[in-house]
Protein backbone atom coordinates (compact mmCIF):
# COMPACT_ATOMS: atom_id res chain seq x y z
CA MET A 1 59.96 -9.99 -26.66
CA SER A 2 63.64 -9.36 -27.07
CA ASN A 3 65.93 -10.49 -24.39
CA ARG A 4 68.87 -8.36 -25.44
CA ALA A 5 70.92 -6.41 -22.94
CA VAL A 6 69.88 -2.85 -22.15
CA LEU A 7 72.33 -0.18 -23.39
CA GLU A 8 71.78 3.23 -21.72
CA VAL A 9 73.55 6.29 -23.00
CA ILE A 10 74.09 9.68 -21.36
CA ALA A 11 72.50 12.48 -23.32
CA LEU A 12 73.09 16.28 -22.63
CA ASP A 13 70.84 17.51 -25.56
CA ALA A 14 68.66 16.48 -28.42
CA ALA A 15 71.44 16.06 -30.79
CA ASP A 16 73.08 13.45 -28.35
CA ALA A 17 69.78 11.86 -27.98
CA VAL A 18 69.28 11.33 -31.91
CA ALA A 19 72.81 10.01 -32.17
CA ALA A 20 72.37 7.59 -29.30
CA GLN A 21 69.15 6.22 -30.62
CA SER A 22 70.40 5.78 -34.20
CA GLY A 23 73.29 3.92 -32.73
CA GLY A 24 71.27 1.44 -30.93
CA ALA A 25 70.70 2.72 -27.43
CA ASP A 26 67.61 1.33 -25.57
CA ARG A 27 67.27 4.21 -23.14
CA LEU A 28 68.94 7.47 -22.30
CA GLU A 29 70.09 9.18 -18.98
CA LEU A 30 69.41 12.91 -19.22
CA VAL A 31 71.74 15.15 -17.36
CA THR A 32 73.50 18.58 -17.52
CA ASP A 33 76.88 19.68 -16.25
CA MET A 34 79.12 16.52 -16.56
CA ALA A 35 81.80 18.49 -14.87
CA LYS A 36 79.86 17.82 -11.75
CA ASP A 37 79.15 14.12 -12.76
CA GLY A 38 75.63 15.04 -14.08
CA LEU A 39 72.78 17.26 -12.70
CA THR A 40 69.25 17.71 -13.30
CA PRO A 41 68.57 19.10 -16.82
CA SER A 42 65.98 21.90 -17.45
CA ARG A 43 62.33 21.12 -18.20
CA GLU A 44 62.90 22.64 -21.59
CA THR A 45 65.91 20.37 -22.44
CA PHE A 46 63.77 17.45 -21.50
CA GLY A 47 60.92 18.71 -23.78
CA ARG A 48 63.25 18.98 -26.75
CA ILE A 49 64.75 15.67 -26.16
CA ARG A 50 61.43 13.94 -25.76
CA GLN A 51 60.31 15.50 -29.06
CA SER A 52 63.37 14.21 -30.70
CA VAL A 53 63.54 10.52 -29.94
CA ASP A 54 61.10 7.76 -29.02
CA ILE A 55 63.17 5.56 -26.49
CA PRO A 56 62.75 5.84 -22.72
CA LEU A 57 64.32 8.76 -20.97
CA ARG A 58 65.60 8.64 -17.27
CA VAL A 59 65.93 12.15 -15.96
CA MET A 60 68.60 12.86 -13.17
CA LEU A 61 67.37 14.51 -9.91
CA ARG A 62 70.64 16.05 -8.42
CA LEU A 63 71.68 19.51 -7.75
CA ALA A 64 75.28 19.45 -6.83
CA ASP A 65 78.30 17.26 -7.19
CA GLY A 66 78.51 14.48 -4.57
CA PHE A 67 75.83 12.44 -2.95
CA SER A 68 74.44 14.72 -0.31
CA ALA A 69 71.02 16.00 -0.92
CA GLY A 70 71.98 19.35 0.76
CA THR A 71 69.71 21.49 2.75
CA HIS A 72 66.07 21.40 3.12
CA ASP A 73 65.55 24.14 0.65
CA ASP A 74 67.71 22.10 -1.81
CA VAL A 75 65.36 19.21 -1.38
CA GLU A 76 62.43 21.27 -1.97
CA THR A 77 64.08 22.65 -5.18
CA LEU A 78 64.64 19.05 -6.32
CA VAL A 79 60.97 18.28 -5.42
CA ARG A 80 59.80 21.22 -7.58
CA ALA A 81 62.12 20.27 -10.54
CA ALA A 82 60.60 16.72 -10.40
CA ARG A 83 57.06 18.17 -10.35
CA GLU A 84 58.05 20.29 -13.36
CA LEU A 85 59.49 17.50 -15.24
CA ARG A 86 56.59 15.23 -14.60
CA ALA A 87 54.31 17.92 -15.88
CA GLU A 88 56.51 17.91 -19.09
CA GLY A 89 55.95 14.18 -19.52
CA ALA A 90 59.09 12.64 -17.75
CA ASP A 91 57.97 9.24 -16.39
CA GLU A 92 61.48 7.66 -15.36
CA PHE A 93 64.13 9.09 -13.15
CA VAL A 94 67.54 8.66 -11.60
CA LEU A 95 68.40 9.62 -7.99
CA GLY A 96 70.16 8.51 -4.82
CA PHE A 97 71.56 10.36 -1.75
CA LEU A 98 73.70 9.54 1.26
CA ASP A 99 73.89 11.03 4.71
CA GLU A 100 76.97 12.15 6.22
CA GLU A 101 77.79 8.51 7.71
CA GLY A 102 77.51 7.04 4.06
CA HIS A 103 74.11 5.34 4.82
CA PRO A 104 71.30 6.00 2.41
CA ASP A 105 69.24 9.25 2.95
CA LEU A 106 65.88 7.69 3.19
CA VAL A 107 64.10 10.89 4.06
CA THR A 108 65.22 12.54 1.01
CA VAL A 109 64.69 9.52 -1.25
CA GLU A 110 61.33 8.86 -0.03
CA ARG A 111 60.24 12.61 -0.38
CA LEU A 112 61.27 12.44 -4.02
CA ILE A 113 59.58 9.07 -4.72
CA ALA A 114 56.38 10.36 -3.35
CA GLU A 115 56.60 13.19 -5.92
CA ILE A 116 57.27 10.88 -8.88
CA GLU A 117 54.77 8.23 -7.61
CA GLY A 118 54.28 5.55 -10.27
CA CYS A 119 57.53 6.20 -12.07
CA ALA A 120 60.40 3.77 -12.50
CA TRP A 121 63.68 4.92 -11.16
CA THR A 122 67.45 4.14 -10.79
CA PHE A 123 69.36 4.51 -7.59
CA HIS A 124 72.61 5.75 -9.10
CA ARG A 125 76.35 5.47 -8.06
CA ALA A 126 75.71 6.74 -4.61
CA ILE A 127 75.77 2.87 -3.75
CA ASP A 128 79.47 2.82 -4.88
CA ARG A 129 80.15 5.32 -2.04
CA ALA A 130 77.97 3.69 0.74
CA VAL A 131 79.57 2.29 3.75
CA ASP A 132 77.57 -0.85 3.51
CA ARG A 133 76.15 -1.92 -0.09
CA ASP A 134 74.07 -4.98 1.21
CA SER A 135 72.55 -2.81 3.93
CA LEU A 136 71.67 -0.14 1.49
CA ARG A 137 70.08 -2.54 -0.84
CA LYS A 138 68.04 -4.19 1.78
CA SER A 139 66.85 -0.78 3.21
CA LEU A 140 65.68 0.44 -0.28
CA ALA A 141 64.21 -2.96 -1.41
CA ASP A 142 60.65 -2.20 -0.71
CA LEU A 143 60.68 1.34 -2.27
CA PRO A 144 58.07 1.65 -5.03
CA GLY A 145 59.36 2.07 -8.46
CA LEU A 146 63.03 1.21 -7.85
CA ASP A 147 64.10 -1.16 -10.54
CA THR A 148 67.72 -0.42 -11.25
CA TYR A 149 71.09 0.08 -9.48
CA LEU A 150 73.55 2.01 -11.74
CA THR A 151 76.88 0.95 -10.20
CA ALA A 152 80.51 0.26 -11.05
CA GLY A 153 80.94 -2.06 -8.04
CA ALA A 154 83.41 0.28 -6.33
CA ALA A 155 83.92 4.11 -6.19
CA ALA A 156 87.11 3.81 -8.32
CA GLY A 157 85.12 2.09 -11.29
CA VAL A 158 84.53 -0.97 -12.86
CA ASP A 159 88.18 -2.23 -12.97
CA ALA A 160 88.22 -2.17 -9.08
CA GLY A 161 84.42 -3.29 -8.73
CA LEU A 162 84.19 -6.34 -11.08
CA SER A 163 84.37 -8.98 -8.34
CA THR A 164 81.45 -7.10 -6.40
CA LEU A 165 79.44 -6.79 -9.51
CA VAL A 166 79.80 -10.50 -10.25
CA ALA A 167 79.06 -11.59 -6.68
CA GLU A 168 75.89 -9.23 -6.49
CA ALA A 169 74.69 -10.77 -9.89
CA ALA A 170 74.91 -14.20 -8.31
CA ARG A 171 72.40 -12.98 -5.59
CA GLN A 172 69.84 -11.72 -8.11
CA GLY A 173 66.25 -12.44 -6.82
CA GLU A 174 67.22 -12.31 -3.35
CA PRO A 175 65.61 -9.50 -1.14
CA GLY A 176 67.43 -6.29 -1.96
CA TYR A 177 68.91 -7.80 -5.21
CA ARG A 178 65.82 -7.93 -7.37
CA ALA A 179 66.64 -4.56 -9.22
CA ARG A 180 68.48 -4.84 -12.45
CA ILE A 181 72.35 -4.14 -12.17
CA LEU A 182 73.28 -1.46 -14.74
CA VAL A 183 76.90 -1.32 -15.05
CA GLY A 184 78.59 2.19 -15.60
CA GLY A 185 81.66 4.04 -14.30
CA GLY A 186 84.82 3.44 -16.24
CA LEU A 187 83.08 0.67 -18.18
CA ARG A 188 85.02 -0.56 -21.21
CA LEU A 189 84.25 -3.16 -23.94
CA ASP A 190 86.68 -5.66 -22.54
CA HIS A 191 84.74 -5.77 -19.38
CA LEU A 192 81.61 -7.19 -21.21
CA PRO A 193 82.43 -10.94 -21.49
CA GLN A 194 83.03 -11.34 -17.86
CA LEU A 195 79.90 -9.23 -16.88
CA ILE A 196 77.56 -10.87 -19.47
CA ALA A 197 78.96 -14.30 -18.18
CA ALA A 198 77.95 -13.54 -14.73
CA GLY A 199 74.28 -12.81 -15.94
CA ILE A 200 74.47 -8.99 -15.99
CA ASP A 201 72.21 -7.38 -18.71
CA GLY A 202 72.38 -3.68 -18.23
CA PHE A 203 75.21 -1.34 -19.34
CA HIS A 204 75.71 2.49 -19.18
CA ILE A 205 78.06 4.41 -21.22
CA GLY A 206 78.90 8.24 -21.11
CA GLY A 207 82.50 9.13 -22.36
CA ALA A 208 82.64 5.83 -24.28
CA ALA A 209 79.92 7.24 -26.73
CA ARG A 210 81.98 10.34 -27.19
CA PRO A 211 85.25 10.03 -29.11
CA GLN A 212 85.95 13.71 -28.67
CA GLY A 213 85.46 13.71 -25.08
CA TRP A 214 82.75 15.40 -23.07
CA SER A 215 83.22 18.75 -25.18
CA GLY A 216 82.09 16.64 -28.22
CA PRO A 217 78.68 15.02 -29.05
CA VAL A 218 77.49 11.47 -28.82
CA ASP A 219 78.94 9.58 -31.75
CA ALA A 220 76.32 7.05 -33.25
CA ALA A 221 79.04 4.95 -34.62
CA ALA A 222 80.72 4.58 -31.06
CA VAL A 223 77.15 3.64 -29.63
CA ARG A 224 76.69 1.09 -32.59
CA GLU A 225 79.97 -0.56 -31.68
CA TRP A 226 78.64 -1.19 -28.13
CA ARG A 227 75.40 -2.38 -29.48
CA GLU A 228 76.92 -4.90 -31.84
CA LYS A 229 79.21 -6.33 -29.04
CA LEU A 230 76.33 -6.69 -26.67
CA ASP A 231 74.19 -8.44 -29.46
CA ALA A 232 77.03 -10.66 -30.59
């Protein structure tokens, strides 16, 4: 089995997915509306992407910008979306919500993971806005399926969060620290040596895979540059 680092790329559509896979992505995060930092894609979009590539797909469960789950009706809308995506074949997800005080919204998180029972999932960058990262990790530690934290180490991005990422990597295996660290949020190639030296083996890129910006597609060559740096 390969021990190579995981490279996850954001994909908005099937063309993005094909380019990311051809460039060496191991997994895709599927979203829509990056103006709102990535919301839940449609069942139809998932289906088209699933038919286009054969690497794992993690589907975002999120209705609005920010990290609040919204109203009861919003949560039920998310639950229905998760149910429809499961019916379409989705088996990996991305989610994460905070309450008004910045603590994990366990009621919503547990409601969703009950719907996606048996699926692996990522707790996304809500951790970077939490009032207490350590407490959040420990409160989520026993939830079924949680295998990844997507994090920059700080709300402002990887530049500000490097020391936190390195410190958390050093705690790998402790209660609350068993899930993989997937670094994303302002991640650059020059961050890789320090992160890899700390033992981090998960990396997530969005804009870095799009030389033309979010109005342009994923570029296979841009993804390949990351793959080659990680494999070097």
